Each structure stands twice: as C-alpha cells, then as structure tokens.
C-alpha cells in the first residue's frame, strides 16, 4: 500500500492541515499538491461519514465534528 494512501497517513495529513491552516502549506511540506492534500482530507471525511473542515476560498475552519475528531 502506498504510504500516503494509508489511513493513519490520512489522519496525519488532516492534523497537519489543521496545524498549518492550508492545503498548500501541507503540500509544500509533503511534496503533494494542494489539491492532493484536499483529496486526502476528503477521503478521510468519507470514511468517517462526517465533514471535518469547512472550506472557503480564503481559509479552512474546523466543523464541530472536526473539532471533536481532532
């Protein structure tokens, strides 16, 4: 299994996204694109059945479910 496709990696990407506040910043750290990071977080959200981040064009905000999960 690809290291970045592992569920624990998805969790790590989510936590780092919350820490840094942007997909682009996480992408720069990991060598992924911002859209690739977004896809990882979306995959985690689908597995959990809950929206973790509210996305706007300017920022990411944790949802209530995201806060609880974090």
PDB file of N, CA and C in Angstrom:
ATOM      1  N   UNK A   1       0.842  -1.183   0.000  1.00  0.00           N
ATOM      2  CA  UNK A   1       0.000   0.000   0.000  1.00  0.00           C
ATOM      3  C   UNK A   1       0.886   1.245   0.000  1.00  0.00           C
ATOM      4  N   UNK A   2       0.539   2.209  -0.796  1.00  0.00           N
ATOM      5  CA  UNK A   2       1.243   3.478  -0.850  1.00  0.00           C
ATOM      6  C   UNK A   2       1.208   4.128   0.524  1.00  0.00           C
ATOM      7  N   UNK A   3       2.341   4.627   0.979  1.00  0.00           N
ATOM      8  CA  UNK A   3       2.445   5.244   2.299  1.00  0.00           C
ATOM      9  C   UNK A   3       1.426   6.357   2.475  1.00  0.00           C
ATOM     10  N   UNK A   4       1.174   7.156   1.445  1.00  0.00           N
ATOM     11  CA  UNK A   4       0.226   8.264   1.544  1.00  0.00           C
ATOM     12  C   UNK A   4      -1.219   7.819   1.377  1.00  0.00           C
ATOM     13  N   UNK A   5      -1.445   6.554   1.079  1.00  0.00           N
ATOM     14  CA  UNK A   5      -2.809   6.048   0.948  1.00  0.00           C
ATOM     15  C   UNK A   5      -3.245   5.316   2.218  1.00  0.00           C
ATOM     16  N   UNK A   6      -2.405   5.264   3.204  1.00  0.00           N
ATOM     17  CA  UNK A   6      -2.713   4.559   4.447  1.00  0.00           C
ATOM     18  C   UNK A   6      -3.591   5.433   5.347  1.00  0.00           C
ATOM     19  N   UNK A   7      -4.592   4.848   5.991  1.00  0.00           N
ATOM     20  CA  UNK A   7      -5.495   5.634   6.843  1.00  0.00           C
ATOM     21  C   UNK A   7      -4.782   6.480   7.899  1.00  0.00           C
ATOM     22  N   UNK A   8      -3.709   5.967   8.498  1.00  0.00           N
ATOM     23  CA  UNK A   8      -3.002   6.772   9.502  1.00  0.00           C
ATOM     24  C   UNK A   8      -2.313   7.967   8.861  1.00  0.00           C
ATOM     25  N   UNK A   9      -1.891   7.823   7.611  1.00  0.00           N
ATOM     26  CA  UNK A   9      -1.315   8.959   6.891  1.00  0.00           C
ATOM     27  C   UNK A   9      -2.383  10.002   6.614  1.00  0.00           C
ATOM     28  N   UNK A  10      -3.597   9.548   6.304  1.00  0.00           N
ATOM     29  CA  UNK A  10      -4.699  10.490   6.092  1.00  0.00           C
ATOM     30  C   UNK A  10      -4.931  11.309   7.353  1.00  0.00           C
ATOM     31  N   UNK A  11      -4.893  10.650   8.490  1.00  0.00           N
ATOM     32  CA  UNK A  11      -5.074  11.335   9.764  1.00  0.00           C
ATOM     33  C   UNK A  11      -3.953  12.350   9.995  1.00  0.00           C
ATOM     34  N   UNK A  12      -2.721  11.945   9.718  1.00  0.00           N
ATOM     35  CA  UNK A  12      -1.579  12.845   9.886  1.00  0.00           C
ATOM     36  C   UNK A  12      -1.706  14.064   8.983  1.00  0.00           C
ATOM     37  N   UNK A  13      -2.160  13.861   7.755  1.00  0.00           N
ATOM     38  CA  UNK A  13      -2.354  14.983   6.827  1.00  0.00           C
ATOM     39  C   UNK A  13      -3.449  15.909   7.351  1.00  0.00           C
ATOM     40  N   UNK A  14      -4.531  15.344   7.865  1.00  0.00           N
ATOM     41  CA  UNK A  14      -5.606  16.155   8.434  1.00  0.00           C
ATOM     42  C   UNK A  14      -5.088  16.998   9.598  1.00  0.00           C
ATOM     43  N   UNK A  15      -4.373  16.377  10.523  1.00  0.00           N
ATOM     44  CA  UNK A  15      -3.858  17.103  11.689  1.00  0.00           C
ATOM     45  C   UNK A  15      -2.910  18.215  11.255  1.00  0.00           C
ATOM     46  N   UNK A  16      -2.051  17.911  10.314  1.00  0.00           N
ATOM     47  CA  UNK A  16      -1.100  18.936   9.836  1.00  0.00           C
ATOM     48  C   UNK A  16      -1.834  20.059   9.116  1.00  0.00           C
ATOM     49  N   UNK A  17      -2.898  19.738   8.401  1.00  0.00           N
ATOM     50  CA  UNK A  17      -3.693  20.758   7.726  1.00  0.00           C
ATOM     51  C   UNK A  17      -4.305  21.701   8.750  1.00  0.00           C
ATOM     52  N   UNK A  18      -4.808  21.146   9.832  1.00  0.00           N
ATOM     53  CA  UNK A  18      -5.365  21.993  10.901  1.00  0.00           C
ATOM     54  C   UNK A  18      -4.256  22.849  11.503  1.00  0.00           C
ATOM     55  N   UNK A  19      -3.094  22.256  11.746  1.00  0.00           N
ATOM     56  CA  UNK A  19      -1.972  22.995  12.335  1.00  0.00           C
ATOM     57  C   UNK A  19      -1.542  24.170  11.457  1.00  0.00           C
ATOM     58  N   UNK A  20      -1.419  23.917  10.158  1.00  0.00           N
ATOM     59  CA  UNK A  20      -0.894  24.932   9.250  1.00  0.00           C
ATOM     60  C   UNK A  20      -1.977  25.824   8.649  1.00  0.00           C
ATOM     61  N   UNK A  21      -3.206  25.325   8.620  1.00  0.00           N
ATOM     62  CA  UNK A  21      -4.312  26.147   8.137  1.00  0.00           C
ATOM     63  C   UNK A  21      -4.490  26.222   6.637  1.00  0.00           C
ATOM     64  N   UNK A  22      -3.737  25.423   5.889  1.00  0.00           N
ATOM     65  CA  UNK A  22      -3.948  25.438   4.435  1.00  0.00           C
ATOM     66  C   UNK A  22      -3.450  24.154   3.792  1.00  0.00           C
ATOM     67  N   UNK A  23      -4.127  23.790   2.721  1.00  0.00           N
ATOM     68  CA  UNK A  23      -3.714  22.621   1.958  1.00  0.00           C
ATOM     69  C   UNK A  23      -2.370  22.872   1.281  1.00  0.00           C
ATOM     70  N   UNK A  24      -2.157  24.095   0.815  1.00  0.00           N
ATOM     71  CA  UNK A  24      -0.920  24.425   0.110  1.00  0.00           C
ATOM     72  C   UNK A  24       0.299  24.292   1.022  1.00  0.00           C
ATOM     73  N   UNK A  25       0.165  24.725   2.265  1.00  0.00           N
ATOM     74  CA  UNK A  25       1.287  24.621   3.208  1.00  0.00           C
ATOM     75  C   UNK A  25       1.642  23.170   3.489  1.00  0.00           C
ATOM     76  N   UNK A  26       0.621  22.332   3.656  1.00  0.00           N
ATOM     77  CA  UNK A  26       0.867  20.908   3.876  1.00  0.00           C
ATOM     78  C   UNK A  26       1.485  20.300   2.625  1.00  0.00           C
ATOM     79  N   UNK A  27       0.985  20.711   1.482  1.00  0.00           N
ATOM     80  CA  UNK A  27       1.546  20.212   0.233  1.00  0.00           C
ATOM     81  C   UNK A  27       3.016  20.547   0.087  1.00  0.00           C
ATOM     82  N   UNK A  28       3.379  21.770   0.463  1.00  0.00           N
ATOM     83  CA  UNK A  28       4.783  22.179   0.371  1.00  0.00           C
ATOM     84  C   UNK A  28       5.660  21.324   1.291  1.00  0.00           C
ATOM     85  N   UNK A  29       5.137  20.956   2.440  1.00  0.00           N
ATOM     86  CA  UNK A  29       5.886  20.107   3.377  1.00  0.00           C
ATOM     87  C   UNK A  29       6.022  18.672   2.894  1.00  0.00           C
ATOM     88  N   UNK A  30       4.973  18.177   2.251  1.00  0.00           N
ATOM     89  CA  UNK A  30       4.922  16.757   1.907  1.00  0.00           C
ATOM     90  C   UNK A  30       5.288  16.455   0.461  1.00  0.00           C
ATOM     91  N   UNK A  31       5.378  17.480  -0.353  1.00  0.00           N
ATOM     92  CA  UNK A  31       5.662  17.266  -1.765  1.00  0.00           C
ATOM     93  C   UNK A  31       4.419  16.963  -2.584  1.00  0.00           C
ATOM     94  N   UNK A  32       3.242  17.152  -1.981  1.00  0.00           N
ATOM     95  CA  UNK A  32       1.977  16.953  -2.682  1.00  0.00           C
ATOM     96  C   UNK A  32       1.458  18.287  -3.184  1.00  0.00           C
ATOM     97  N   UNK A  33       0.500  18.229  -4.080  1.00  0.00           N
ATOM     98  CA  UNK A  33      -0.176  19.450  -4.493  1.00  0.00           C
ATOM     99  C   UNK A  33      -1.249  19.776  -3.457  1.00  0.00           C
ATOM    100  N   UNK A  34      -1.698  21.020  -3.464  1.00  0.00           N
ATOM    101  CA  UNK A  34      -2.786  21.420  -2.569  1.00  0.00           C
ATOM    102  C   UNK A  34      -4.031  20.584  -2.842  1.00  0.00           C
ATOM    103  N   UNK A  35      -4.307  20.313  -4.115  1.00  0.00           N
ATOM    104  CA  UNK A  35      -5.485  19.501  -4.442  1.00  0.00           C
ATOM    105  C   UNK A  35      -5.301  18.056  -3.976  1.00  0.00           C
ATOM    106  N   UNK A  36      -4.085  17.561  -3.992  1.00  0.00           N
ATOM    107  CA  UNK A  36      -3.816  16.218  -3.485  1.00  0.00           C
ATOM    108  C   UNK A  36      -4.067  16.126  -1.985  1.00  0.00           C
ATOM    109  N   UNK A  37      -3.659  17.147  -1.256  1.00  0.00           N
ATOM    110  CA  UNK A  37      -3.914  17.195   0.187  1.00  0.00           C
ATOM    111  C   UNK A  37      -5.416  17.263   0.437  1.00  0.00           C
ATOM    112  N   UNK A  38      -6.101  18.085  -0.333  1.00  0.00           N
ATOM    113  CA  UNK A  38      -7.557  18.208  -0.199  1.00  0.00           C
ATOM    114  C   UNK A  38      -8.239  16.862  -0.438  1.00  0.00           C
ATOM    115  N   UNK A  39      -7.775  16.117  -1.434  1.00  0.00           N
ATOM    116  CA  UNK A  39      -8.353  14.795  -1.714  1.00  0.00           C
ATOM    117  C   UNK A  39      -8.146  13.836  -0.549  1.00  0.00           C
ATOM    118  N   UNK A  40      -6.997  13.911   0.098  1.00  0.00           N
ATOM    119  CA  UNK A  40      -6.726  13.046   1.247  1.00  0.00           C
ATOM    120  C   UNK A  40      -7.692  13.366   2.382  1.00  0.00           C
ATOM    121  N   UNK A  41      -7.885  14.654   2.661  1.00  0.00           N
ATOM    122  CA  UNK A  41      -8.815  15.044   3.724  1.00  0.00           C
ATOM    123  C   UNK A  41     -10.238  14.636   3.347  1.00  0.00           C
ATOM    124  N   UNK A  42     -10.613  14.804   2.106  1.00  0.00           N
ATOM    125  CA  UNK A  42     -11.946  14.388   1.651  1.00  0.00           C
ATOM    126  C   UNK A  42     -12.126  12.883   1.814  1.00  0.00           C
ATOM    127  N   UNK A  43     -11.096  12.113   1.498  1.00  0.00           N
ATOM    128  CA  UNK A  43     -11.158  10.652   1.657  1.00  0.00           C
ATOM    129  C   UNK A  43     -11.378  10.290   3.128  1.00  0.00           C
ATOM    130  N   UNK A  44     -10.683  10.977   4.030  1.00  0.00           N
ATOM    131  CA  UNK A  44     -10.867  10.741   5.460  1.00  0.00           C
ATOM    132  C   UNK A  44     -12.294  11.097   5.883  1.00  0.00           C
ATOM    133  N   UNK A  45     -12.805  12.215   5.388  1.00  0.00           N
ATOM    134  CA  UNK A  45     -14.174  12.619   5.700  1.00  0.00           C
ATOM    135  C   UNK A  45     -15.174  11.570   5.229  1.00  0.00           C
ATOM    136  N   UNK A  46     -14.968  11.033   4.051  1.00  0.00           N
ATOM    137  CA  UNK A  46     -15.880   9.994   3.537  1.00  0.00           C
ATOM    138  C   UNK A  46     -15.843   8.747   4.398  1.00  0.00           C
ATOM    139  N   UNK A  47     -14.648   8.344   4.810  1.00  0.00           N
ATOM    140  CA  UNK A  47     -14.535   7.158   5.663  1.00  0.00           C
ATOM    141  C   UNK A  47     -15.233   7.361   7.003  1.00  0.00           C
ATOM    142  N   UNK A  48     -15.138   8.574   7.524  1.00  0.00           N
ATOM    143  CA  UNK A  48     -15.753   8.870   8.823  1.00  0.00           C
ATOM    144  C   UNK A  48     -17.241   9.190   8.711  1.00  0.00           C
ATOM    145  N   UNK A  49     -17.665   9.566   7.515  1.00  0.00           N
ATOM    146  CA  UNK A  49     -19.057   9.958   7.320  1.00  0.00           C
ATOM    147  C   UNK A  49     -19.381  11.307   7.932  1.00  0.00           C
ATOM    148  N   UNK A  50     -18.380  12.179   8.008  1.00  0.00           N
ATOM    149  CA  UNK A  50     -18.582  13.495   8.612  1.00  0.00           C
ATOM    150  C   UNK A  50     -17.680  14.522   7.931  1.00  0.00           C
ATOM    151  N   UNK A  51     -18.179  15.720   7.810  1.00  0.00           N
ATOM    152  CA  UNK A  51     -17.385  16.833   7.277  1.00  0.00           C
ATOM    153  C   UNK A  51     -16.498  17.353   8.396  1.00  0.00           C
ATOM    154  N   UNK A  52     -15.185  17.384   8.181  1.00  0.00           N
ATOM    155  CA  UNK A  52     -14.241  17.809   9.209  1.00  0.00           C
ATOM    156  C   UNK A  52     -13.828  19.265   9.067  1.00  0.00           C
ATOM    157  N   UNK A  53     -13.796  19.744   7.832  1.00  0.00           N
ATOM    158  CA  UNK A  53     -13.370  21.113   7.565  1.00  0.00           C
ATOM    159  C   UNK A  53     -14.393  21.837   6.709  1.00  0.00           C
ATOM    160  N   UNK A  54     -14.648  23.078   7.070  1.00  0.00           N
ATOM    161  CA  UNK A  54     -15.437  23.949   6.208  1.00  0.00           C
ATOM    162  C   UNK A  54     -14.427  24.710   5.361  1.00  0.00           C
ATOM    163  N   UNK A  55     -14.537  24.581   4.054  1.00  0.00           N
ATOM    164  CA  UNK A  55     -13.575  25.185   3.142  1.00  0.00           C
ATOM    165  C   UNK A  55     -14.163  26.442   2.516  1.00  0.00           C
ATOM    166  N   UNK A  56     -13.401  27.521   2.539  1.00  0.00           N
ATOM    167  CA  UNK A  56     -13.744  28.722   1.774  1.00  0.00           C
ATOM    168  C   UNK A  56     -12.536  29.022   0.894  1.00  0.00           C
ATOM    169  N   UNK A  57     -12.668  30.003   0.056  1.00  0.00           N
ATOM    170  CA  UNK A  57     -11.532  30.341  -0.815  1.00  0.00           C
ATOM    171  C   UNK A  57     -10.388  30.959  -0.030  1.00  0.00           C
ATOM    172  N   UNK A  58     -10.674  31.449   1.170  1.00  0.00           N
ATOM    173  CA  UNK A  58      -9.636  32.132   1.947  1.00  0.00           C
ATOM    174  C   UNK A  58      -9.114  31.361   3.143  1.00  0.00           C
ATOM    175  N   UNK A  59      -9.910  30.411   3.654  1.00  0.00           N
ATOM    176  CA  UNK A  59      -9.436  29.720   4.849  1.00  0.00           C
ATOM    177  C   UNK A  59     -10.160  28.397   5.076  1.00  0.00           C
ATOM    178  N   UNK A  60      -9.592  27.631   5.982  1.00  0.00           N
ATOM    179  CA  UNK A  60     -10.179  26.360   6.412  1.00  0.00           C
ATOM    180  C   UNK A  60     -10.582  26.522   7.872  1.00  0.00           C
ATOM    181  N   UNK A  61     -11.776  26.061   8.194  1.00  0.00           N
ATOM    182  CA  UNK A  61     -12.272  26.142   9.570  1.00  0.00           C
ATOM    183  C   UNK A  61     -12.776  24.761   9.962  1.00  0.00           C
ATOM    184  N   UNK A  62     -12.395  24.328  11.154  1.00  0.00           N
ATOM    185  CA  UNK A  62     -12.899  23.051  11.642  1.00  0.00           C
ATOM    186  C   UNK A  62     -14.405  23.120  11.851  1.00  0.00           C
ATOM    187  N   UNK A  63     -15.090  22.071  11.450  1.00  0.00           N
ATOM    188  CA  UNK A  63     -16.505  21.936  11.781  1.00  0.00           C
ATOM    189  C   UNK A  63     -16.576  21.420  13.220  1.00  0.00           C
ATOM    190  N   UNK A  64     -17.750  21.375  13.778  1.00  0.00           N
ATOM    191  CA  UNK A  64     -17.911  20.808  15.120  1.00  0.00           C
ATOM    192  C   UNK A  64     -17.420  19.350  15.145  1.00  0.00           C
ATOM    193  N   UNK A  65     -17.776  18.601  14.105  1.00  0.00           N
ATOM    194  CA  UNK A  65     -17.317  17.216  14.013  1.00  0.00           C
ATOM    195  C   UNK A  65     -15.802  17.151  13.913  1.00  0.00           C
ATOM    196  N   UNK A  66     -15.225  18.086  13.159  1.00  0.00           N
ATOM    197  CA  UNK A  66     -13.767  18.142  13.019  1.00  0.00           C
ATOM    198  C   UNK A  66     -13.085  18.422  14.332  1.00  0.00           C
ATOM    199  N   UNK A  67     -13.648  19.340  15.114  1.00  0.00           N
ATOM    200  CA  UNK A  67     -13.089  19.641  16.437  1.00  0.00           C
ATOM    201  C   UNK A  67     -13.142  18.413  17.331  1.00  0.00           C
ATOM    202  N   UNK A  68     -14.279  17.742  17.319  1.00  0.00           N
ATOM    203  CA  UNK A  68     -14.429  16.538  18.146  1.00  0.00           C
ATOM    204  C   UNK A  68     -13.441  15.462  17.714  1.00  0.00           C
ATOM    205  N   UNK A  69     -13.322  15.250  16.421  1.00  0.00           N
ATOM    206  CA  UNK A  69     -12.418  14.222  15.902  1.00  0.00           C
ATOM    207  C   UNK A  69     -10.970  14.541  16.221  1.00  0.00           C
ATOM    208  N   UNK A  70     -10.604  15.791  16.078  1.00  0.00           N
ATOM    209  CA  UNK A  70      -9.229  16.204  16.344  1.00  0.00           C
ATOM    210  C   UNK A  70      -8.873  15.974  17.798  1.00  0.00           C
TER     211      UNK A  70
END
